[in-house]
Amino acid sequence: MEYIYKTQNVCARNIKVDVEDNIVTNIQFLNGGCSGNLKALPAIIEGWTVEDIENKLSGITCGNRPTSCADQLVKAVKEAYQLASEKKH
């Protein structure tokens, strides 16, 4: 299921992901952010589970912000997974 998440308190405005059976693919940070980091992060975690992403990236901050693009990705994949699970039932 393709899902677009509206971020909060980070430079990238949106995150687009596909979540299928708890596997996350096709991660894209849209409309801002640090280009190199936002290309590298999806390349590294492509195919990870929602839990793996949450365990590794949750709580990471950027500068003095209370969140980061990585932390927002955790929120995006959890929300997408929840919606996909609800649609199956």
N, C-alpha and C. Protein backbone atom coordinates (compact mmCIF):
# COMPACT_ATOMS: atom_id res chain seq x y z
N MET A 1 0.84 -1.17 0.00
CA MET A 1 0.00 0.00 0.00
C MET A 1 0.89 1.24 0.00
N GLU A 2 0.68 2.11 -0.95
CA GLU A 2 1.41 3.37 -0.99
C GLU A 2 0.77 4.34 0.01
N TYR A 3 1.63 5.04 0.74
CA TYR A 3 1.15 5.96 1.76
C TYR A 3 2.01 7.21 1.74
N ILE A 4 1.38 8.37 1.86
CA ILE A 4 2.11 9.64 1.95
C ILE A 4 1.82 10.25 3.32
N TYR A 5 2.90 10.52 4.03
CA TYR A 5 2.84 11.04 5.39
C TYR A 5 3.29 12.50 5.39
N LYS A 6 2.53 13.37 6.03
CA LYS A 6 2.91 14.77 6.18
C LYS A 6 3.76 14.90 7.44
N THR A 7 5.00 15.30 7.28
CA THR A 7 5.94 15.38 8.39
C THR A 7 5.70 16.61 9.25
N GLN A 8 6.34 16.61 10.42
CA GLN A 8 6.27 17.74 11.34
C GLN A 8 7.67 18.07 11.84
N ASN A 9 8.01 19.35 11.84
CA ASN A 9 9.26 19.87 12.41
C ASN A 9 10.54 19.37 11.74
N VAL A 10 10.46 19.02 10.44
CA VAL A 10 11.66 18.66 9.69
C VAL A 10 11.61 19.35 8.33
N CYS A 11 12.71 19.32 7.62
CA CYS A 11 12.79 20.02 6.33
C CYS A 11 12.00 19.34 5.23
N ALA A 12 12.06 18.01 5.15
CA ALA A 12 11.25 17.29 4.16
C ALA A 12 9.79 17.41 4.56
N ARG A 13 8.95 17.79 3.62
CA ARG A 13 7.54 18.05 3.94
C ARG A 13 6.69 16.78 3.96
N ASN A 14 7.07 15.78 3.17
CA ASN A 14 6.30 14.55 3.07
C ASN A 14 7.24 13.35 2.94
N ILE A 15 6.72 12.20 3.34
CA ILE A 15 7.44 10.94 3.13
C ILE A 15 6.46 10.00 2.45
N LYS A 16 6.91 9.40 1.35
CA LYS A 16 6.09 8.42 0.64
C LYS A 16 6.73 7.05 0.84
N VAL A 17 5.91 6.07 1.24
CA VAL A 17 6.39 4.70 1.47
C VAL A 17 5.36 3.71 0.94
N ASP A 18 5.83 2.51 0.66
CA ASP A 18 4.96 1.38 0.41
C ASP A 18 5.16 0.41 1.56
N VAL A 19 4.06 -0.06 2.13
CA VAL A 19 4.12 -1.07 3.19
C VAL A 19 3.26 -2.24 2.76
N GLU A 20 3.87 -3.38 2.64
CA GLU A 20 3.17 -4.61 2.24
C GLU A 20 3.61 -5.73 3.15
N ASP A 21 2.67 -6.29 3.90
CA ASP A 21 2.97 -7.38 4.82
C ASP A 21 4.13 -7.04 5.76
N ASN A 22 4.11 -5.83 6.31
CA ASN A 22 5.09 -5.37 7.29
C ASN A 22 6.47 -5.05 6.68
N ILE A 23 6.61 -5.12 5.37
CA ILE A 23 7.87 -4.80 4.71
C ILE A 23 7.74 -3.42 4.06
N VAL A 24 8.74 -2.57 4.28
CA VAL A 24 8.73 -1.20 3.80
C VAL A 24 9.64 -1.08 2.57
N THR A 25 9.07 -0.52 1.50
CA THR A 25 9.84 -0.32 0.26
C THR A 25 9.49 1.05 -0.33
N ASN A 26 10.21 1.41 -1.37
CA ASN A 26 9.94 2.64 -2.14
C ASN A 26 9.84 3.88 -1.26
N ILE A 27 10.81 4.07 -0.40
CA ILE A 27 10.82 5.21 0.53
C ILE A 27 11.32 6.45 -0.21
N GLN A 28 10.55 7.52 -0.13
CA GLN A 28 10.95 8.79 -0.74
C GLN A 28 10.64 9.93 0.21
N PHE A 29 11.61 10.79 0.43
CA PHE A 29 11.41 12.03 1.17
C PHE A 29 11.14 13.10 0.13
N LEU A 30 10.06 13.86 0.31
CA LEU A 30 9.62 14.79 -0.72
C LEU A 30 9.63 16.23 -0.21
N ASN A 31 9.94 17.14 -1.10
CA ASN A 31 9.80 18.58 -0.86
C ASN A 31 10.70 19.12 0.25
N GLY A 32 11.99 18.86 0.12
CA GLY A 32 12.95 19.44 1.05
C GLY A 32 13.77 18.39 1.78
N GLY A 33 14.72 18.86 2.54
CA GLY A 33 15.58 17.98 3.31
C GLY A 33 16.99 17.93 2.75
N CYS A 34 17.86 17.24 3.45
CA CYS A 34 19.27 17.09 3.06
C CYS A 34 19.38 15.99 2.01
N SER A 35 19.59 16.36 0.79
CA SER A 35 19.50 15.45 -0.35
C SER A 35 20.32 14.16 -0.18
N GLY A 36 21.56 14.28 0.19
CA GLY A 36 22.41 13.09 0.32
C GLY A 36 21.91 12.13 1.39
N ASN A 37 21.58 12.68 2.55
CA ASN A 37 21.08 11.84 3.64
C ASN A 37 19.76 11.18 3.26
N LEU A 38 18.91 11.92 2.59
CA LEU A 38 17.59 11.41 2.26
C LEU A 38 17.58 10.46 1.07
N LYS A 39 18.71 10.36 0.39
CA LYS A 39 18.90 9.31 -0.62
C LYS A 39 19.54 8.09 0.02
N ALA A 40 20.45 8.32 0.95
CA ALA A 40 21.16 7.21 1.59
C ALA A 40 20.25 6.40 2.51
N LEU A 41 19.46 7.08 3.31
CA LEU A 41 18.61 6.39 4.28
C LEU A 41 17.69 5.37 3.61
N PRO A 42 16.94 5.72 2.57
CA PRO A 42 16.10 4.71 1.92
C PRO A 42 16.90 3.56 1.31
N ALA A 43 18.07 3.87 0.77
CA ALA A 43 18.89 2.81 0.17
C ALA A 43 19.33 1.79 1.23
N ILE A 44 19.60 2.25 2.42
CA ILE A 44 20.06 1.37 3.49
C ILE A 44 18.92 0.52 4.04
N ILE A 45 17.74 1.10 4.23
CA ILE A 45 16.68 0.38 4.94
C ILE A 45 15.63 -0.23 4.03
N GLU A 46 15.78 -0.14 2.74
CA GLU A 46 14.85 -0.75 1.79
C GLU A 46 14.63 -2.23 2.13
N GLY A 47 13.38 -2.62 2.30
CA GLY A 47 13.06 -4.01 2.60
C GLY A 47 13.02 -4.37 4.07
N TRP A 48 13.31 -3.42 4.94
CA TRP A 48 13.24 -3.67 6.38
C TRP A 48 11.78 -3.77 6.82
N THR A 49 11.57 -4.37 7.98
CA THR A 49 10.23 -4.41 8.56
C THR A 49 9.95 -3.10 9.30
N VAL A 50 8.68 -2.88 9.58
CA VAL A 50 8.29 -1.70 10.36
C VAL A 50 9.00 -1.72 11.71
N GLU A 51 9.07 -2.89 12.35
CA GLU A 51 9.71 -2.99 13.67
C GLU A 51 11.20 -2.70 13.61
N ASP A 52 11.87 -3.19 12.56
CA ASP A 52 13.31 -2.92 12.42
C ASP A 52 13.56 -1.42 12.29
N ILE A 53 12.75 -0.76 11.48
CA ILE A 53 12.90 0.69 11.30
C ILE A 53 12.64 1.41 12.61
N GLU A 54 11.60 1.02 13.32
CA GLU A 54 11.29 1.65 14.60
C GLU A 54 12.42 1.44 15.60
N ASN A 55 12.94 0.23 15.69
CA ASN A 55 14.01 -0.07 16.66
C ASN A 55 15.30 0.70 16.39
N LYS A 56 15.60 0.94 15.13
CA LYS A 56 16.86 1.61 14.78
C LYS A 56 16.76 3.14 14.72
N LEU A 57 15.60 3.67 14.34
CA LEU A 57 15.53 5.10 14.01
C LEU A 57 14.67 5.94 14.95
N SER A 58 13.86 5.32 15.78
CA SER A 58 12.96 6.06 16.65
C SER A 58 13.73 6.92 17.65
N GLY A 59 13.31 8.16 17.78
CA GLY A 59 13.91 9.06 18.76
C GLY A 59 15.14 9.82 18.29
N ILE A 60 15.59 9.58 17.07
CA ILE A 60 16.74 10.34 16.56
C ILE A 60 16.31 11.79 16.35
N THR A 61 17.14 12.72 16.79
CA THR A 61 16.84 14.14 16.63
C THR A 61 17.78 14.78 15.62
N CYS A 62 17.42 15.97 15.18
CA CYS A 62 18.23 16.72 14.23
C CYS A 62 18.52 18.09 14.84
N GLY A 63 19.77 18.35 15.16
CA GLY A 63 20.12 19.61 15.80
C GLY A 63 19.36 19.76 17.11
N ASN A 64 18.73 20.90 17.30
CA ASN A 64 17.97 21.10 18.53
C ASN A 64 16.48 20.80 18.36
N ARG A 65 16.11 20.19 17.24
CA ARG A 65 14.72 19.79 17.01
C ARG A 65 14.41 18.52 17.79
N PRO A 66 13.17 18.33 18.18
CA PRO A 66 12.81 17.13 18.95
C PRO A 66 12.61 15.90 18.08
N THR A 67 12.84 16.01 16.78
CA THR A 67 12.63 14.91 15.84
C THR A 67 13.64 15.04 14.71
N SER A 68 13.56 14.16 13.73
CA SER A 68 14.42 14.20 12.55
C SER A 68 13.66 13.53 11.41
N CYS A 69 14.22 13.57 10.21
CA CYS A 69 13.59 12.86 9.10
C CYS A 69 13.52 11.36 9.38
N ALA A 70 14.55 10.81 10.01
CA ALA A 70 14.54 9.39 10.36
C ALA A 70 13.44 9.08 11.36
N ASP A 71 13.30 9.91 12.37
CA ASP A 71 12.25 9.73 13.37
C ASP A 71 10.86 9.89 12.74
N GLN A 72 10.72 10.83 11.83
CA GLN A 72 9.45 11.00 11.13
C GLN A 72 9.14 9.81 10.23
N LEU A 73 10.18 9.18 9.68
CA LEU A 73 9.98 7.97 8.88
C LEU A 73 9.37 6.87 9.74
N VAL A 74 9.82 6.75 10.97
CA VAL A 74 9.23 5.77 11.90
C VAL A 74 7.74 6.01 12.03
N LYS A 75 7.36 7.25 12.24
CA LYS A 75 5.95 7.59 12.39
C LYS A 75 5.18 7.26 11.11
N ALA A 76 5.78 7.54 9.97
CA ALA A 76 5.13 7.28 8.69
C ALA A 76 4.88 5.80 8.46
N VAL A 77 5.91 4.97 8.70
CA VAL A 77 5.73 3.54 8.43
C VAL A 77 4.78 2.89 9.43
N LYS A 78 4.79 3.34 10.68
CA LYS A 78 3.86 2.80 11.66
C LYS A 78 2.42 3.15 11.28
N GLU A 79 2.20 4.38 10.86
CA GLU A 79 0.86 4.82 10.46
C GLU A 79 0.40 4.07 9.21
N ALA A 80 1.29 3.92 8.24
CA ALA A 80 0.94 3.20 7.01
C ALA A 80 0.63 1.74 7.31
N TYR A 81 1.41 1.12 8.16
CA TYR A 81 1.19 -0.27 8.53
C TYR A 81 -0.15 -0.45 9.24
N GLN A 82 -0.46 0.47 10.14
CA GLN A 82 -1.74 0.43 10.86
C GLN A 82 -2.90 0.53 9.88
N LEU A 83 -2.84 1.47 8.95
CA LEU A 83 -3.91 1.63 7.97
C LEU A 83 -4.04 0.42 7.07
N ALA A 84 -2.91 -0.15 6.65
CA ALA A 84 -2.94 -1.34 5.80
C ALA A 84 -3.56 -2.52 6.56
N SER A 85 -3.25 -2.65 7.84
CA SER A 85 -3.80 -3.73 8.65
C SER A 85 -5.30 -3.57 8.82
N GLU A 86 -5.76 -2.34 9.01
CA GLU A 86 -7.20 -2.08 9.16
C GLU A 86 -7.96 -2.40 7.88
N LYS A 87 -7.37 -2.14 6.73
CA LYS A 87 -8.02 -2.42 5.44
C LYS A 87 -8.18 -3.91 5.20
N LYS A 88 -7.27 -4.71 5.75
CA LYS A 88 -7.33 -6.16 5.58
C LYS A 88 -8.46 -6.78 6.39
N HIS A 89 -8.88 -6.10 7.44
CA HIS A 89 -9.91 -6.68 8.33
C HIS A 89 -11.23 -6.10 8.09
